[in-house]
Amino acid sequence: MTILDIWKLSCDNIAEQLKNKTKTRDDTFNSFYQ
């Protein structure tokens, strides 16, 4: 496993976490405004 592989993996993880955060935030807004 090269540095590049590790870097790509951590980038994917961060992107995944950000996506999950936004999704949770959107869900909260949606239930709030229903």
PDB file of N, CA and C in Angstrom:
ATOM      1  N   MET A   1       0.850  -1.199   0.000  1.00  0.00           N
ATOM      2  CA  MET A   1       0.000   0.000   0.000  1.00  0.00           C
ATOM      3  C   MET A   1       0.887   1.251   0.000  1.00  0.00           C
ATOM      4  N   THR A   2       0.709   2.071  -1.006  1.00  0.00           N
ATOM      5  CA  THR A   2       1.533   3.273  -1.113  1.00  0.00           C
ATOM      6  C   THR A   2       0.913   4.426  -0.343  1.00  0.00           C
ATOM      7  N   ILE A   3       1.692   5.487  -0.189  1.00  0.00           N
ATOM      8  CA  ILE A   3       1.191   6.701   0.465  1.00  0.00           C
ATOM      9  C   ILE A   3      -0.054   7.195  -0.273  1.00  0.00           C
ATOM     10  N   LEU A   4      -0.014   7.092  -1.599  1.00  0.00           N
ATOM     11  CA  LEU A   4      -1.124   7.559  -2.429  1.00  0.00           C
ATOM     12  C   LEU A   4      -2.411   6.800  -2.101  1.00  0.00           C
ATOM     13  N   ASP A   5      -2.285   5.473  -1.936  1.00  0.00           N
ATOM     14  CA  ASP A   5      -3.454   4.662  -1.585  1.00  0.00           C
ATOM     15  C   ASP A   5      -4.047   5.106  -0.255  1.00  0.00           C
ATOM     16  N   ILE A   6      -3.159   5.282   0.718  1.00  0.00           N
ATOM     17  CA  ILE A   6      -3.602   5.706   2.054  1.00  0.00           C
ATOM     18  C   ILE A   6      -4.275   7.075   1.976  1.00  0.00           C
ATOM     19  N   TRP A   7      -3.661   7.984   1.213  1.00  0.00           N
ATOM     20  CA  TRP A   7      -4.202   9.332   1.063  1.00  0.00           C
ATOM     21  C   TRP A   7      -5.585   9.292   0.431  1.00  0.00           C
ATOM     22  N   LYS A   8      -5.726   8.476  -0.614  1.00  0.00           N
ATOM     23  CA  LYS A   8      -7.015   8.358  -1.293  1.00  0.00           C
ATOM     24  C   LYS A   8      -8.065   7.787  -0.340  1.00  0.00           C
ATOM     25  N   LEU A   9      -7.652   6.780   0.441  1.00  0.00           N
ATOM     26  CA  LEU A   9      -8.571   6.170   1.399  1.00  0.00           C
ATOM     27  C   LEU A   9      -9.064   7.186   2.418  1.00  0.00           C
ATOM     28  N   SER A  10      -8.141   7.965   2.965  1.00  0.00           N
ATOM     29  CA  SER A  10      -8.540   8.932   3.985  1.00  0.00           C
ATOM     30  C   SER A  10      -9.410  10.024   3.380  1.00  0.00           C
ATOM     31  N   CYS A  11      -9.137  10.391   2.131  1.00  0.00           N
ATOM     32  CA  CYS A  11      -9.990  11.381   1.448  1.00  0.00           C
ATOM     33  C   CYS A  11     -11.401  10.827   1.288  1.00  0.00           C
ATOM     34  N   ASP A  12     -11.494   9.552   0.879  1.00  0.00           N
ATOM     35  CA  ASP A  12     -12.800   8.919   0.724  1.00  0.00           C
ATOM     36  C   ASP A  12     -13.541   8.890   2.055  1.00  0.00           C
ATOM     37  N   ASN A  13     -12.813   8.572   3.125  1.00  0.00           N
ATOM     38  CA  ASN A  13     -13.422   8.525   4.457  1.00  0.00           C
ATOM     39  C   ASN A  13     -13.972   9.881   4.858  1.00  0.00           C
ATOM     40  N   ILE A  14     -13.177  10.921   4.637  1.00  0.00           N
ATOM     41  CA  ILE A  14     -13.597  12.276   4.991  1.00  0.00           C
ATOM     42  C   ILE A  14     -14.832  12.671   4.181  1.00  0.00           C
ATOM     43  N   ALA A  15     -14.802  12.380   2.882  1.00  0.00           N
ATOM     44  CA  ALA A  15     -15.943  12.700   2.020  1.00  0.00           C
ATOM     45  C   ALA A  15     -17.190  11.968   2.509  1.00  0.00           C
ATOM     46  N   GLU A  16     -17.011  10.703   2.871  1.00  0.00           N
ATOM     47  CA  GLU A  16     -18.114   9.883   3.361  1.00  0.00           C
ATOM     48  C   GLU A  16     -18.698  10.482   4.639  1.00  0.00           C
ATOM     49  N   GLN A  17     -17.837  10.891   5.556  1.00  0.00           N
ATOM     50  CA  GLN A  17     -18.286  11.475   6.820  1.00  0.00           C
ATOM     51  C   GLN A  17     -19.014  12.794   6.581  1.00  0.00           C
ATOM     52  N   LEU A  18     -18.485  13.607   5.670  1.00  0.00           N
ATOM     53  CA  LEU A  18     -19.135  14.882   5.364  1.00  0.00           C
ATOM     54  C   LEU A  18     -20.521  14.634   4.797  1.00  0.00           C
ATOM     55  N   LYS A  19     -20.616  13.654   3.893  1.00  0.00           N
ATOM     56  CA  LYS A  19     -21.887  13.321   3.275  1.00  0.00           C
ATOM     57  C   LYS A  19     -22.882  12.892   4.349  1.00  0.00           C
ATOM     58  N   ASN A  20     -22.418  12.062   5.283  1.00  0.00           N
ATOM     59  CA  ASN A  20     -23.290  11.596   6.359  1.00  0.00           C
ATOM     60  C   ASN A  20     -23.747  12.752   7.240  1.00  0.00           C
ATOM     61  N   LYS A  21     -22.834  13.676   7.527  1.00  0.00           N
ATOM     62  CA  LYS A  21     -23.189  14.849   8.336  1.00  0.00           C
ATOM     63  C   LYS A  21     -24.284  15.658   7.655  1.00  0.00           C
ATOM     64  N   THR A  22     -24.089  15.939   6.357  1.00  0.00           N
ATOM     65  CA  THR A  22     -25.068  16.738   5.630  1.00  0.00           C
ATOM     66  C   THR A  22     -26.395  16.015   5.571  1.00  0.00           C
ATOM     67  N   LYS A  23     -26.357  14.696   5.348  1.00  0.00           N
ATOM     68  CA  LYS A  23     -27.577  13.913   5.278  1.00  0.00           C
ATOM     69  C   LYS A  23     -28.339  14.020   6.593  1.00  0.00           C
ATOM     70  N   THR A  24     -27.633  13.866   7.700  1.00  0.00           N
ATOM     71  CA  THR A  24     -28.269  13.961   9.011  1.00  0.00           C
ATOM     72  C   THR A  24     -28.872  15.345   9.203  1.00  0.00           C
ATOM     73  N   ARG A  25     -28.134  16.370   8.790  1.00  0.00           N
ATOM     74  CA  ARG A  25     -28.616  17.738   8.939  1.00  0.00           C
ATOM     75  C   ARG A  25     -29.880  17.936   8.106  1.00  0.00           C
ATOM     76  N   ASP A  26     -29.874  17.424   6.868  1.00  0.00           N
ATOM     77  CA  ASP A  26     -31.045  17.554   6.009  1.00  0.00           C
ATOM     78  C   ASP A  26     -32.242  16.830   6.613  1.00  0.00           C
ATOM     79  N   ASP A  27     -32.001  15.631   7.148  1.00  0.00           N
ATOM     80  CA  ASP A  27     -33.082  14.870   7.777  1.00  0.00           C
ATOM     81  C   ASP A  27     -33.677  15.650   8.941  1.00  0.00           C
ATOM     82  N   THR A  28     -32.818  16.276   9.729  1.00  0.00           N
ATOM     83  CA  THR A  28     -33.282  17.059  10.869  1.00  0.00           C
ATOM     84  C   THR A  28     -34.135  18.229  10.392  1.00  0.00           C
ATOM     85  N   PHE A  29     -33.665  18.923   9.363  1.00  0.00           N
ATOM     86  CA  PHE A  29     -34.426  20.045   8.817  1.00  0.00           C
ATOM     87  C   PHE A  29     -35.775  19.578   8.293  1.00  0.00           C
ATOM     88  N   ASN A  30     -35.759  18.460   7.561  1.00  0.00           N
ATOM     89  CA  ASN A  30     -36.987  17.948   6.968  1.00  0.00           C
ATOM     90  C   ASN A  30     -38.018  17.602   8.030  1.00  0.00           C
ATOM     91  N   SER A  31     -37.590  16.917   9.076  1.00  0.00           N
ATOM     92  CA  SER A  31     -38.541  16.539  10.121  1.00  0.00           C
ATOM     93  C   SER A  31     -39.000  17.778  10.888  1.00  0.00           C
ATOM     94  N   PHE A  32     -38.126  18.776  10.962  1.00  0.00           N
ATOM     95  CA  PHE A  32     -38.461  20.005  11.676  1.00  0.00           C
ATOM     96  C   PHE A  32     -39.527  20.801  10.924  1.00  0.00           C
ATOM     97  N   TYR A  33     -39.423  20.805   9.598  1.00  0.00           N
ATOM     98  CA  TYR A  33     -40.325  21.642   8.794  1.00  0.00           C
ATOM     99  C   TYR A  33     -41.574  20.923   8.327  1.00  0.00           C
ATOM    100  N   GLN A  34     -41.752  19.670   8.736  1.00  0.00           N
ATOM    101  CA  GLN A  34     -42.916  18.934   8.272  1.00  0.00           C
ATOM    102  C   GLN A  34     -44.196  19.398   8.965  1.00  0.00           C
TER     103      GLN A  34
END
